[in-house]
Amino acid sequence: MIHEHQPLWQPTAAAIESSPLRAFMQRVNERYQQSLSHYEDLHQWSVVNPEEFWEMMWEFGEVVAAEQGSRVLENADRMPGARWFPEARLNFAENLLRFRDDRTAVVSLREDGQRVSLTF
């Protein structure tokens, strides 16, 4: 029986340290002189600094674009209604399909315990 607050899975310390999320937090820490060490810290920082967060996410995610533009956020006081990267020009398909290899794209765990992996 699974209890309400019992995690189904927990990564090892090594997996956490080598994760893209950890690498992203380290990059934020370096650029903005922060000391983020947990997901909750990053979330709070992203809420307080949405433009910096999304600019870093664009860079970290290596978004392919003809134009990023100079503005990250327009009409920030209108949520919903704000515009993110209003000057950006990109092809979503190019970004979503740029990995055409056998790297894992999605991993699921079925109710019967079987693990299913899909590649790009």
PDB file of N, CA and C in Angstrom:
ATOM      1  N   MET A   1       0.843  -1.178   0.000  1.00  0.00           N
ATOM      2  CA  MET A   1       0.000   0.000   0.000  1.00  0.00           C
ATOM      3  C   MET A   1       0.892   1.247   0.000  1.00  0.00           C
ATOM      4  N   ILE A   2       0.531   2.210  -0.820  1.00  0.00           N
ATOM      5  CA  ILE A   2       1.289   3.461  -0.887  1.00  0.00           C
ATOM      6  C   ILE A   2       0.591   4.499  -0.031  1.00  0.00           C
ATOM      7  N   HIS A   3       1.359   5.107   0.845  1.00  0.00           N
ATOM      8  CA  HIS A   3       0.808   6.147   1.698  1.00  0.00           C
ATOM      9  C   HIS A   3       0.832   7.471   0.963  1.00  0.00           C
ATOM     10  N   GLU A   4      -0.017   8.361   1.375  1.00  0.00           N
ATOM     11  CA  GLU A   4      -0.205   9.635   0.676  1.00  0.00           C
ATOM     12  C   GLU A   4       1.084  10.426   0.480  1.00  0.00           C
ATOM     13  N   HIS A   5       1.972  10.449   1.447  1.00  0.00           N
ATOM     14  CA  HIS A   5       3.172  11.276   1.366  1.00  0.00           C
ATOM     15  C   HIS A   5       4.444  10.462   1.140  1.00  0.00           C
ATOM     16  N   GLN A   6       4.299   9.231   0.763  1.00  0.00           N
ATOM     17  CA  GLN A   6       5.454   8.365   0.535  1.00  0.00           C
ATOM     18  C   GLN A   6       5.900   8.487  -0.922  1.00  0.00           C
ATOM     19  N   PRO A   7       7.158   8.912  -1.161  1.00  0.00           N
ATOM     20  CA  PRO A   7       7.627   9.014  -2.548  1.00  0.00           C
ATOM     21  C   PRO A   7       7.653   7.647  -3.219  1.00  0.00           C
ATOM     22  N   LEU A   8       7.294   7.625  -4.494  1.00  0.00           N
ATOM     23  CA  LEU A   8       7.362   6.383  -5.259  1.00  0.00           C
ATOM     24  C   LEU A   8       8.792   6.063  -5.654  1.00  0.00           C
ATOM     25  N   TRP A   9       9.602   7.104  -5.795  1.00  0.00           N
ATOM     26  CA  TRP A   9      10.989   6.936  -6.227  1.00  0.00           C
ATOM     27  C   TRP A   9      11.791   8.123  -5.726  1.00  0.00           C
ATOM     28  N   GLN A  10      13.025   7.894  -5.412  1.00  0.00           N
ATOM     29  CA  GLN A  10      13.910   8.966  -4.982  1.00  0.00           C
ATOM     30  C   GLN A  10      15.273   8.746  -5.632  1.00  0.00           C
ATOM     31  N   PRO A  11      15.824   9.781  -6.271  1.00  0.00           N
ATOM     32  CA  PRO A  11      17.120   9.608  -6.929  1.00  0.00           C
ATOM     33  C   PRO A  11      18.243   9.479  -5.910  1.00  0.00           C
ATOM     34  N   THR A  12      19.325   8.869  -6.335  1.00  0.00           N
ATOM     35  CA  THR A  12      20.505   8.779  -5.477  1.00  0.00           C
ATOM     36  C   THR A  12      21.167  10.153  -5.404  1.00  0.00           C
ATOM     37  N   ALA A  13      22.023  10.341  -4.434  1.00  0.00           N
ATOM     38  CA  ALA A  13      22.758  11.605  -4.308  1.00  0.00           C
ATOM     39  C   ALA A  13      23.599  11.854  -5.558  1.00  0.00           C
ATOM     40  N   ALA A  14      24.187  10.801  -6.103  1.00  0.00           N
ATOM     41  CA  ALA A  14      25.004  10.940  -7.317  1.00  0.00           C
ATOM     42  C   ALA A  14      24.150  11.378  -8.503  1.00  0.00           C
ATOM     43  N   ALA A  15      22.951  10.818  -8.618  1.00  0.00           N
ATOM     44  CA  ALA A  15      22.056  11.197  -9.718  1.00  0.00           C
ATOM     45  C   ALA A  15      21.629  12.653  -9.590  1.00  0.00           C
ATOM     46  N   ILE A  16      21.381  13.094  -8.374  1.00  0.00           N
ATOM     47  CA  ILE A  16      21.004  14.492  -8.144  1.00  0.00           C
ATOM     48  C   ILE A  16      22.141  15.408  -8.557  1.00  0.00           C
ATOM     49  N   GLU A  17      23.340  15.091  -8.127  1.00  0.00           N
ATOM     50  CA  GLU A  17      24.501  15.942  -8.415  1.00  0.00           C
ATOM     51  C   GLU A  17      24.823  16.019  -9.898  1.00  0.00           C
ATOM     52  N   SER A  18      24.510  14.973 -10.647  1.00  0.00           N
ATOM     53  CA  SER A  18      24.830  14.968 -12.077  1.00  0.00           C
ATOM     54  C   SER A  18      23.631  15.344 -12.951  1.00  0.00           C
ATOM     55  N   SER A  19      22.554  15.795 -12.340  1.00  0.00           N
ATOM     56  CA  SER A  19      21.338  16.103 -13.097  1.00  0.00           C
ATOM     57  C   SER A  19      21.415  17.461 -13.796  1.00  0.00           C
ATOM     58  N   PRO A  20      20.678  17.616 -14.887  1.00  0.00           N
ATOM     59  CA  PRO A  20      20.598  18.923 -15.543  1.00  0.00           C
ATOM     60  C   PRO A  20      20.047  20.008 -14.616  1.00  0.00           C
ATOM     61  N   LEU A  21      19.136  19.649 -13.723  1.00  0.00           N
ATOM     62  CA  LEU A  21      18.599  20.638 -12.786  1.00  0.00           C
ATOM     63  C   LEU A  21      19.707  21.191 -11.899  1.00  0.00           C
ATOM     64  N   ARG A  22      20.584  20.324 -11.411  1.00  0.00           N
ATOM     65  CA  ARG A  22      21.708  20.769 -10.573  1.00  0.00           C
ATOM     66  C   ARG A  22      22.642  21.664 -11.384  1.00  0.00           C
ATOM     67  N   ALA A  23      22.920  21.282 -12.625  1.00  0.00           N
ATOM     68  CA  ALA A  23      23.787  22.100 -13.484  1.00  0.00           C
ATOM     69  C   ALA A  23      23.167  23.471 -13.720  1.00  0.00           C
ATOM     70  N   PHE A  24      21.855  23.504 -13.915  1.00  0.00           N
ATOM     71  CA  PHE A  24      21.170  24.785 -14.118  1.00  0.00           C
ATOM     72  C   PHE A  24      21.274  25.651 -12.865  1.00  0.00           C
ATOM     73  N   MET A  25      21.036  25.060 -11.694  1.00  0.00           N
ATOM     74  CA  MET A  25      21.143  25.825 -10.444  1.00  0.00           C
ATOM     75  C   MET A  25      22.553  26.369 -10.257  1.00  0.00           C
ATOM     76  N   GLN A  26      23.559  25.574 -10.584  1.00  0.00           N
ATOM     77  CA  GLN A  26      24.940  26.040 -10.448  1.00  0.00           C
ATOM     78  C   GLN A  26      25.213  27.218 -11.372  1.00  0.00           C
ATOM     79  N   ARG A  27      24.672  27.161 -12.578  1.00  0.00           N
ATOM     80  CA  ARG A  27      24.861  28.269 -13.513  1.00  0.00           C
ATOM     81  C   ARG A  27      24.170  29.535 -12.999  1.00  0.00           C
ATOM     82  N   VAL A  28      22.968  29.386 -12.450  1.00  0.00           N
ATOM     83  CA  VAL A  28      22.267  30.530 -11.850  1.00  0.00           C
ATOM     84  C   VAL A  28      23.086  31.078 -10.691  1.00  0.00           C
ATOM     85  N   ASN A  29      23.582  30.200  -9.836  1.00  0.00           N
ATOM     86  CA  ASN A  29      24.392  30.626  -8.690  1.00  0.00           C
ATOM     87  C   ASN A  29      25.599  31.434  -9.132  1.00  0.00           C
ATOM     88  N   GLU A  30      26.282  30.966 -10.168  1.00  0.00           N
ATOM     89  CA  GLU A  30      27.481  31.657 -10.650  1.00  0.00           C
ATOM     90  C   GLU A  30      27.150  33.017 -11.250  1.00  0.00           C
ATOM     91  N   ARG A  31      26.143  33.055 -12.107  1.00  0.00           N
ATOM     92  CA  ARG A  31      25.835  34.303 -12.804  1.00  0.00           C
ATOM     93  C   ARG A  31      25.221  35.355 -11.886  1.00  0.00           C
ATOM     94  N   TYR A  32      24.361  34.936 -10.968  1.00  0.00           N
ATOM     95  CA  TYR A  32      23.613  35.891 -10.147  1.00  0.00           C
ATOM     96  C   TYR A  32      24.030  35.889  -8.679  1.00  0.00           C
ATOM     97  N   GLN A  33      25.181  35.308  -8.378  1.00  0.00           N
ATOM     98  CA  GLN A  33      25.710  35.264  -7.015  1.00  0.00           C
ATOM     99  C   GLN A  33      24.650  34.776  -6.020  1.00  0.00           C
ATOM    100  N   GLN A  34      24.045  33.650  -6.348  1.00  0.00           N
ATOM    101  CA  GLN A  34      23.046  33.035  -5.487  1.00  0.00           C
ATOM    102  C   GLN A  34      23.662  31.830  -4.785  1.00  0.00           C
ATOM    103  N   SER A  35      22.904  31.234  -3.884  1.00  0.00           N
ATOM    104  CA  SER A  35      23.342  30.000  -3.225  1.00  0.00           C
ATOM    105  C   SER A  35      22.183  28.999  -3.220  1.00  0.00           C
ATOM    106  N   LEU A  36      21.598  28.795  -4.387  1.00  0.00           N
ATOM    107  CA  LEU A  36      20.482  27.862  -4.522  1.00  0.00           C
ATOM    108  C   LEU A  36      21.003  26.436  -4.386  1.00  0.00           C
ATOM    109  N   SER A  37      20.359  25.644  -3.542  1.00  0.00           N
ATOM    110  CA  SER A  37      20.819  24.265  -3.370  1.00  0.00           C
ATOM    111  C   SER A  37      19.693  23.244  -3.482  1.00  0.00           C
ATOM    112  N   HIS A  38      18.455  23.689  -3.463  1.00  0.00           N
ATOM    113  CA  HIS A  38      17.312  22.787  -3.555  1.00  0.00           C
ATOM    114  C   HIS A  38      16.322  23.319  -4.587  1.00  0.00           C
ATOM    115  N   TYR A  39      15.486  22.429  -5.082  1.00  0.00           N
ATOM    116  CA  TYR A  39      14.472  22.819  -6.057  1.00  0.00           C
ATOM    117  C   TYR A  39      13.625  23.975  -5.537  1.00  0.00           C
ATOM    118  N   GLU A  40      13.250  23.921  -4.266  1.00  0.00           N
ATOM    119  CA  GLU A  40      12.407  24.964  -3.692  1.00  0.00           C
ATOM    120  C   GLU A  40      13.094  26.328  -3.765  1.00  0.00           C
ATOM    121  N   ASP A  41      14.416  26.349  -3.573  1.00  0.00           N
ATOM    122  CA  ASP A  41      15.181  27.598  -3.684  1.00  0.00           C
ATOM    123  C   ASP A  41      15.102  28.142  -5.105  1.00  0.00           C
ATOM    124  N   LEU A  42      15.287  27.261  -6.075  1.00  0.00           N
ATOM    125  CA  LEU A  42      15.229  27.673  -7.477  1.00  0.00           C
ATOM    126  C   LEU A  42      13.836  28.177  -7.826  1.00  0.00           C
ATOM    127  N   HIS A  43      12.820  27.481  -7.370  1.00  0.00           N
ATOM    128  CA  HIS A  43      11.449  27.908  -7.652  1.00  0.00           C
ATOM    129  C   HIS A  43      11.198  29.304  -7.098  1.00  0.00           C
ATOM    130  N   GLN A  44      11.576  29.533  -5.858  1.00  0.00           N
ATOM    131  CA  GLN A  44      11.368  30.850  -5.248  1.00  0.00           C
ATOM    132  C   GLN A  44      12.122  31.925  -6.016  1.00  0.00           C
ATOM    133  N   TRP A  45      13.364  31.651  -6.384  1.00  0.00           N
ATOM    134  CA  TRP A  45      14.155  32.616  -7.145  1.00  0.00           C
ATOM    135  C   TRP A  45      13.488  32.909  -8.487  1.00  0.00           C
ATOM    136  N   SER A  46      12.947  31.882  -9.139  1.00  0.00           N
ATOM    137  CA  SER A  46      12.307  32.064 -10.447  1.00  0.00           C
ATOM    138  C   SER A  46      11.051  32.919 -10.353  1.00  0.00           C
ATOM    139  N   VAL A  47      10.334  32.813  -9.253  1.00  0.00           N
ATOM    140  CA  VAL A  47       9.121  33.612  -9.061  1.00  0.00           C
ATOM    141  C   VAL A  47       9.479  35.076  -8.826  1.00  0.00           C
ATOM    142  N   VAL A  48      10.528  35.317  -8.062  1.00  0.00           N
ATOM    143  CA  VAL A  48      10.967  36.683  -7.758  1.00  0.00           C
ATOM    144  C   VAL A  48      11.689  37.312  -8.951  1.00  0.00           C
ATOM    145  N   ASN A  49      12.374  36.507  -9.747  1.00  0.00           N
ATOM    146  CA  ASN A  49      13.194  36.987 -10.872  1.00  0.00           C
ATOM    147  C   ASN A  49      12.801  36.289 -12.175  1.00  0.00           C
ATOM    148  N   PRO A  50      11.573  36.472 -12.642  1.00  0.00           N
ATOM    149  CA  PRO A  50      11.135  35.708 -13.815  1.00  0.00           C
ATOM    150  C   PRO A  50      11.931  36.000 -15.081  1.00  0.00           C
ATOM    151  N   GLU A  51      12.327  37.236 -15.320  1.00  0.00           N
ATOM    152  CA  GLU A  51      13.080  37.541 -16.543  1.00  0.00           C
ATOM    153  C   GLU A  51      14.442  36.863 -16.533  1.00  0.00           C
ATOM    154  N   GLU A  52      15.132  36.940 -15.406  1.00  0.00           N
ATOM    155  CA  GLU A  52      16.445  36.311 -15.304  1.00  0.00           C
ATOM    156  C   GLU A  52      16.326  34.796 -15.441  1.00  0.00           C
ATOM    157  N   PHE A  53      15.302  34.229 -14.787  1.00  0.00           N
ATOM    158  CA  PHE A  53      15.104  32.785 -14.858  1.00  0.00           C
ATOM    159  C   PHE A  53      14.894  32.333 -16.296  1.00  0.00           C
ATOM    160  N   TRP A  54      13.980  32.982 -17.010  1.00  0.00           N
ATOM    161  CA  TRP A  54      13.662  32.531 -18.362  1.00  0.00           C
ATOM    162  C   TRP A  54      14.777  32.830 -19.351  1.00  0.00           C
ATOM    163  N   GLU A  55      15.525  33.892 -19.139  1.00  0.00           N
ATOM    164  CA  GLU A  55      16.682  34.138 -19.991  1.00  0.00           C
ATOM    165  C   GLU A  55      17.728  33.035 -19.798  1.00  0.00           C
ATOM    166  N   MET A  56      17.941  32.647 -18.539  1.00  0.00           N
ATOM    167  CA  MET A  56      18.870  31.547 -18.255  1.00  0.00           C
ATOM    168  C   MET A  56      18.349  30.231 -18.840  1.00  0.00           C
ATOM    169  N   MET A  57      17.050  29.998 -18.752  1.00  0.00           N
ATOM    170  CA  MET A  57      16.464  28.769 -19.283  1.00  0.00           C
ATOM    171  C   MET A  57      16.634  28.711 -20.798  1.00  0.00           C
ATOM    172  N   TRP A  58      16.455  29.846 -21.472  1.00  0.00           N
ATOM    173  CA  TRP A  58      16.650  29.908 -22.927  1.00  0.00           C
ATOM    174  C   TRP A  58      18.089  29.514 -23.265  1.00  0.00           C
ATOM    175  N   GLU A  59      19.022  30.107 -22.534  1.00  0.00           N
ATOM    176  CA  GLU A  59      20.445  29.830 -22.776  1.00  0.00           C
ATOM    177  C   GLU A  59      20.790  28.381 -22.431  1.00  0.00           C
ATOM    178  N   PHE A  60      20.375  27.933 -21.267  1.00  0.00           N
ATOM    179  CA  PHE A  60      20.704  26.582 -20.801  1.00  0.00           C
ATOM    180  C   PHE A  60      20.089  25.518 -21.707  1.00  0.00           C
ATOM    181  N   GLY A  61      18.879  25.780 -22.178  1.00  0.00           N
ATOM    182  CA  GLY A  61      18.195  24.832 -23.045  1.00  0.00           C
ATOM    183  C   GLY A  61      18.674  24.870 -24.481  1.00  0.00           C
ATOM    184  N   GLU A  62      19.603  25.789 -24.752  1.00  0.00           N
ATOM    185  CA  GLU A  62      20.175  25.922 -26.096  1.00  0.00           C
ATOM    186  C   GLU A  62      19.084  26.006 -27.159  1.00  0.00           C
ATOM    187  N   VAL A  63      18.144  26.921 -26.922  1.00  0.00           N
ATOM    188  CA  VAL A  63      17.049  27.129 -27.867  1.00  0.00           C
ATOM    189  C   VAL A  63      17.624  27.588 -29.204  1.00  0.00           C
ATOM    190  N   VAL A  64      17.179  26.952 -30.259  1.00  0.00           N
ATOM    191  CA  VAL A  64      17.597  27.318 -31.609  1.00  0.00           C
ATOM    192  C   VAL A  64      16.598  28.351 -32.120  1.00  0.00           C
ATOM    193  N   ALA A  65      17.106  29.524 -32.520  1.00  0.00           N
ATOM    194  CA  ALA A  65      16.213  30.584 -32.981  1.00  0.00           C
ATOM    195  C   ALA A  65      16.905  31.461 -34.007  1.00  0.00           C
ATOM    196  N   ALA A  66      16.116  31.985 -34.917  1.00  0.00           N
ATOM    197  CA  ALA A  66      16.636  32.967 -35.860  1.00  0.00           C
ATOM    198  C   ALA A  66      16.884  34.277 -35.120  1.00  0.00           C
ATOM    199  N   GLU A  67      16.071  34.531 -34.097  1.00  0.00           N
ATOM    200  CA  GLU A  67      16.172  35.778 -33.329  1.00  0.00           C
ATOM    201  C   GLU A  67      15.635  35.546 -31.925  1.00  0.00           C
ATOM    202  N   GLN A  68      16.431  35.888 -30.900  1.00  0.00           N
ATOM    203  CA  GLN A  68      15.933  35.825 -29.523  1.00  0.00           C
ATOM    204  C   GLN A  68      15.257  37.134 -29.158  1.00  0.00           C
ATOM    205  N   GLY A  69      15.806  38.231 -29.643  1.00  0.00           N
ATOM    206  CA  GLY A  69      15.280  39.538 -29.273  1.00  0.00           C
ATOM    207  C   GLY A  69      15.927  40.023 -27.999  1.00  0.00           C
ATOM    208  N   SER A  70      15.721  41.284 -27.707  1.00  0.00           N
ATOM    209  CA  SER A  70      16.358  41.882 -26.535  1.00  0.00           C
ATOM    210  C   SER A  70      15.486  41.808 -25.292  1.00  0.00           C
ATOM    211  N   ARG A  71      14.190  41.593 -25.455  1.00  0.00           N
ATOM    212  CA  ARG A  71      13.282  41.555 -24.305  1.00  0.00           C
ATOM    213  C   ARG A  71      12.882  40.120 -23.975  1.00  0.00           C
ATOM    214  N   VAL A  72      12.860  39.850 -22.689  1.00  0.00           N
ATOM    215  CA  VAL A  72      12.444  38.528 -22.215  1.00  0.00           C
ATOM    216  C   VAL A  72      10.966  38.541 -21.861  1.00  0.00           C
ATOM    217  N   LEU A  73      10.516  39.625 -21.242  1.00  0.00           N
ATOM    218  CA  LEU A  73       9.150  39.689 -20.725  1.00  0.00           C
ATOM    219  C   LEU A  73       8.546  41.054 -21.010  1.00  0.00           C
ATOM    220  N   GLU A  74       7.342  41.035 -21.537  1.00  0.00           N
ATOM    221  CA  GLU A  74       6.598  42.255 -21.826  1.00  0.00           C
ATOM    222  C   GLU A  74       5.281  42.185 -21.066  1.00  0.00           C
ATOM    223  N   ASN A  75       4.877  43.284 -20.459  1.00  0.00           N
ATOM    224  CA  ASN A  75       3.632  43.351 -19.685  1.00  0.00           C
ATOM    225  C   ASN A  75       3.638  42.379 -18.503  1.00  0.00           C
ATOM    226  N   ALA A  76       4.709  42.421 -17.734  1.00  0.00           N
ATOM    227  CA  ALA A  76       4.863  41.514 -16.589  1.00  0.00           C
ATOM    228  C   ALA A  76       3.763  41.697 -15.553  1.00  0.00           C
ATOM    229  N   ASP A  77       3.159  42.870 -15.529  1.00  0.00           N
ATOM    230  CA  ASP A  77       2.097  43.136 -14.561  1.00  0.00           C
ATOM    231  C   ASP A  77       0.774  42.476 -14.963  1.00  0.00           C
ATOM    232  N   ARG A  78       0.724  41.876 -16.135  1.00  0.00           N
ATOM    233  CA  ARG A  78      -0.500  41.220 -16.606  1.00  0.00           C
ATOM    234  C   ARG A  78      -0.297  39.710 -16.661  1.00  0.00           C
ATOM    235  N   MET A  79      -0.589  39.055 -15.577  1.00  0.00           N
ATOM    236  CA  MET A  79      -0.492  37.596 -15.535  1.00  0.00           C
ATOM    237  C   MET A  79      -1.893  37.057 -15.256  1.00  0.00           C
ATOM    238  N   PRO A  80      -2.559  36.438 -16.180  1.00  0.00           N
ATOM    239  CA  PRO A  80      -2.107  36.118 -17.533  1.00  0.00           C
ATOM    240  C   PRO A  80      -2.169  37.348 -18.437  1.00  0.00           C
ATOM    241  N   GLY A  81      -1.497  37.239 -19.545  1.00  0.00           N
ATOM    242  CA  GLY A  81      -1.475  38.316 -20.517  1.00  0.00           C
ATOM    243  C   GLY A  81      -0.085  38.820 -20.821  1.00  0.00           C
ATOM    244  N   ALA A  82       0.887  38.410 -20.027  1.00  0.00           N
ATOM    245  CA  ALA A  82       2.273  38.799 -20.289  1.00  0.00           C
ATOM    246  C   ALA A  82       2.739  38.112 -21.568  1.00  0.00           C
ATOM    247  N   ARG A  83       3.758  38.699 -22.193  1.00  0.00           N
ATOM    248  CA  ARG A  83       4.325  38.101 -23.413  1.00  0.00           C
ATOM    249  C   ARG A  83       5.780  37.762 -23.154  1.00  0.00           C
ATOM    250  N   TRP A  84       6.120  36.506 -23.372  1.00  0.00           N
ATOM    251  CA  TRP A  84       7.478  36.019 -23.161  1.00  0.00           C
ATOM    252  C   TRP A  84       8.240  36.035 -24.476  1.00  0.00           C
ATOM    253  N   PHE A  85       9.452  36.565 -24.459  1.00  0.00           N
ATOM    254  CA  PHE A  85      10.307  36.644 -25.645  1.00  0.00           C
ATOM    255  C   PHE A  85       9.505  37.167 -26.848  1.00  0.00           C
ATOM    256  N   PRO A  86       8.938  38.370 -26.718  1.00  0.00           N
ATOM    257  CA  PRO A  86       8.040  38.870 -27.763  1.00  0.00           C
ATOM    258  C   PRO A  86       8.700  39.073 -29.126  1.00  0.00           C
ATOM    259  N   GLU A  87      10.005  39.236 -29.168  1.00  0.00           N
ATOM    260  CA  GLU A  87      10.703  39.456 -30.439  1.00  0.00           C
ATOM    261  C   GLU A  87      11.314  38.171 -31.003  1.00  0.00           C
ATOM    262  N   ALA A  88      11.166  37.082 -30.289  1.00  0.00           N
ATOM    263  CA  ALA A  88      11.801  35.823 -30.706  1.00  0.00           C
ATOM    264  C   ALA A  88      11.178  35.282 -31.983  1.00  0.00           C
ATOM    265  N   ARG A  89      12.030  34.687 -32.788  1.00  0.00           N
ATOM    266  CA  ARG A  89      11.597  34.028 -34.014  1.00  0.00           C
ATOM    267  C   ARG A  89      12.247  32.651 -34.029  1.00  0.00           C
ATOM    268  N   LEU A  90      11.415  31.621 -33.869  1.00  0.00           N
ATOM    269  CA  LEU A  90      11.957  30.273 -33.839  1.00  0.00           C
ATOM    270  C   LEU A  90      10.966  29.279 -34.403  1.00  0.00           C
ATOM    271  N   ASN A  91      11.474  28.120 -34.725  1.00  0.00           N
ATOM    272  CA  ASN A  91      10.677  27.033 -35.259  1.00  0.00           C
ATOM    273  C   ASN A  91      10.559  25.987 -34.151  1.00  0.00           C
ATOM    274  N   PHE A  92       9.352  25.803 -33.633  1.00  0.00           N
ATOM    275  CA  PHE A  92       9.157  24.862 -32.535  1.00  0.00           C
ATOM    276  C   PHE A  92       9.541  23.442 -32.941  1.00  0.00           C
ATOM    277  N   ALA A  93       9.167  23.035 -34.144  1.00  0.00           N
ATOM    278  CA  ALA A  93       9.500  21.683 -34.599  1.00  0.00           C
ATOM    279  C   ALA A  93      11.010  21.478 -34.629  1.00  0.00           C
ATOM    280  N   GLU A  94      11.741  22.487 -35.072  1.00  0.00           N
ATOM    281  CA  GLU A  94      13.204  22.374 -35.115  1.00  0.00           C
ATOM    282  C   GLU A  94      13.767  22.115 -33.721  1.00  0.00           C
ATOM    283  N   ASN A  95      13.221  22.785 -32.728  1.00  0.00           N
ATOM    284  CA  ASN A  95      13.698  22.607 -31.361  1.00  0.00           C
ATOM    285  C   ASN A  95      13.256  21.277 -30.770  1.00  0.00           C
ATOM    286  N   LEU A  96      12.043  20.869 -31.046  1.00  0.00           N
ATOM    287  CA  LEU A  96      11.533  19.625 -30.473  1.00  0.00           C
ATOM    288  C   LEU A  96      12.123  18.380 -31.119  1.00  0.00           C
ATOM    289  N   LEU A  97      12.495  18.484 -32.386  1.00  0.00           N
ATOM    290  CA  LEU A  97      12.958  17.307 -33.116  1.00  0.00           C
ATOM    291  C   LEU A  97      14.449  17.322 -33.415  1.00  0.00           C
ATOM    292  N   ARG A  98      15.196  18.195 -32.784  1.00  0.00           N
ATOM    293  CA  ARG A  98      16.618  18.307 -33.125  1.00  0.00           C
ATOM    294  C   ARG A  98      17.452  17.125 -32.643  1.00  0.00           C
ATOM    295  N   PHE A  99      16.947  16.357 -31.714  1.00  0.00           N
ATOM    296  CA  PHE A  99      17.667  15.186 -31.231  1.00  0.00           C
ATOM    297  C   PHE A  99      17.119  13.961 -31.944  1.00  0.00           C
ATOM    298  N   ARG A 100      17.789  13.516 -32.969  1.00  0.00           N
ATOM    299  CA  ARG A 100      17.337  12.346 -33.736  1.00  0.00           C
ATOM    300  C   ARG A 100      18.299  11.198 -33.476  1.00  0.00           C
ATOM    301  N   ASP A 101      18.323  10.762 -32.250  1.00  0.00           N
ATOM    302  CA  ASP A 101      19.243   9.692 -31.893  1.00  0.00           C
ATOM    303  C   ASP A 101      18.550   8.739 -30.931  1.00  0.00           C
ATOM    304  N   ASP A 102      19.322   7.912 -30.286  1.00  0.00           N
ATOM    305  CA  ASP A 102      18.724   6.914 -29.406  1.00  0.00           C
ATOM    306  C   ASP A 102      18.741   7.315 -27.936  1.00  0.00           C
ATOM    307  N   ARG A 103      18.957   8.611 -27.666  1.00  0.00           N
ATOM    308  CA  ARG A 103      18.872   9.062 -26.274  1.00  0.00           C
ATOM    309  C   ARG A 103      17.435   8.944 -25.777  1.00  0.00           C
ATOM    310  N   THR A 104      17.293   8.687 -24.500  1.00  0.00           N
ATOM    311  CA  THR A 104      15.967   8.546 -23.916  1.00  0.00           C
ATOM    312  C   THR A 104      15.275   9.900 -23.872  1.00  0.00           C
ATOM    313  N   ALA A 105      14.038   9.946 -24.370  1.00  0.00           N
ATOM    314  CA  ALA A 105      13.240  11.168 -24.364  1.00  0.00           C
ATOM    315  C   ALA A 105      12.201  11.129 -23.249  1.00  0.00           C
ATOM    316  N   VAL A 106      11.569   9.973 -23.056  1.00  0.00           N
ATOM    317  CA  VAL A 106      10.503   9.831 -22.063  1.00  0.00           C
ATOM    318  C   VAL A 106      10.651   8.471 -21.388  1.00  0.00           C
ATOM    319  N   VAL A 107      10.499   8.469 -20.070  1.00  0.00           N
ATOM    320  CA  VAL A 107      10.497   7.218 -19.310  1.00  0.00           C
ATOM    321  C   VAL A 107       9.204   7.188 -18.510  1.00  0.00           C
ATOM    322  N   SER A 108       8.502   6.076 -18.577  1.00  0.00           N
ATOM    323  CA  SER A 108       7.290   5.945 -17.773  1.00  0.00           C
ATOM    324  C   SER A 108       7.351   4.642 -16.991  1.00  0.00           C
ATOM    325  N   LEU A 109       6.623   4.623 -15.920  1.00  0.00           N
ATOM    326  CA  LEU A 109       6.522   3.427 -15.091  1.00  0.00           C
ATOM    327  C   LEU A 109       5.048   3.068 -15.024  1.00  0.00           C
ATOM    328  N   ARG A 110       4.702   1.936 -15.616  1.00  0.00           N
ATOM    329  CA  ARG A 110       3.305   1.529 -15.656  1.00  0.00           C
ATOM    330  C   ARG A 110       2.844   1.058 -14.283  1.00  0.00           C
ATOM    331  N   GLU A 111       1.543   0.973 -14.134  1.00  0.00           N
ATOM    332  CA  GLU A 111       0.984   0.531 -12.860  1.00  0.00           C
ATOM    333  C   GLU A 111       1.418  -0.875 -12.495  1.00  0.00           C
ATOM    334  N   ASP A 112       1.704  -1.699 -13.494  1.00  0.00           N
ATOM    335  CA  ASP A 112       2.149  -3.063 -13.210  1.00  0.00           C
ATOM    336  C   ASP A 112       3.646  -3.130 -12.909  1.00  0.00           C
ATOM    337  N   GLY A 113       4.301  -1.967 -12.855  1.00  0.00           N
ATOM    338  CA  GLY A 113       5.715  -1.909 -12.516  1.00  0.00           C
ATOM    339  C   GLY A 113       6.654  -1.958 -13.701  1.00  0.00           C
ATOM    340  N   GLN A 114       6.125  -2.161 -14.901  1.00  0.00           N
ATOM    341  CA  GLN A 114       6.976  -2.230 -16.089  1.00  0.00           C
ATOM    342  C   GLN A 114       7.430  -0.828 -16.487  1.00  0.00           C
ATOM    343  N   ARG A 115       8.723  -0.719 -16.729  1.00  0.00           N
ATOM    344  CA  ARG A 115       9.324   0.545 -17.152  1.00  0.00           C
ATOM    345  C   ARG A 115       9.327   0.588 -18.677  1.00  0.00           C
ATOM    346  N   VAL A 116       8.882   1.706 -19.238  1.00  0.00           N
ATOM    347  CA  VAL A 116       8.836   1.884 -20.686  1.00  0.00           C
ATOM    348  C   VAL A 116       9.626   3.135 -21.035  1.00  0.00           C
ATOM    349  N   SER A 117      10.562   3.005 -21.977  1.00  0.00           N
ATOM    350  CA  SER A 117      11.380   4.139 -22.414  1.00  0.00           C
ATOM    351  C   SER A 117      11.154   4.392 -23.896  1.00  0.00           C
ATOM    352  N   LEU A 118      11.069   5.667 -24.250  1.00  0.00           N
ATOM    353  CA  LEU A 118      10.951   6.073 -25.646  1.00  0.00           C
ATOM    354  C   LEU A 118      12.148   6.940 -25.984  1.00  0.00           C
ATOM    355  N   THR A 119      12.673   6.764 -27.172  1.00  0.00           N
ATOM    356  CA  THR A 119      13.822   7.557 -27.598  1.00  0.00           C
ATOM    357  C   THR A 119      13.379   8.610 -28.601  1.00  0.00           C
ATOM    358  N   PHE A 120      14.314   9.516 -28.900  1.00  0.00           N
ATOM    359  CA  PHE A 120      14.030  10.529 -29.902  1.00  0.00           C
ATOM    360  C   PHE A 120      13.940   9.866 -31.248  1.00  0.00           C
TER     361      PHE A 120
END
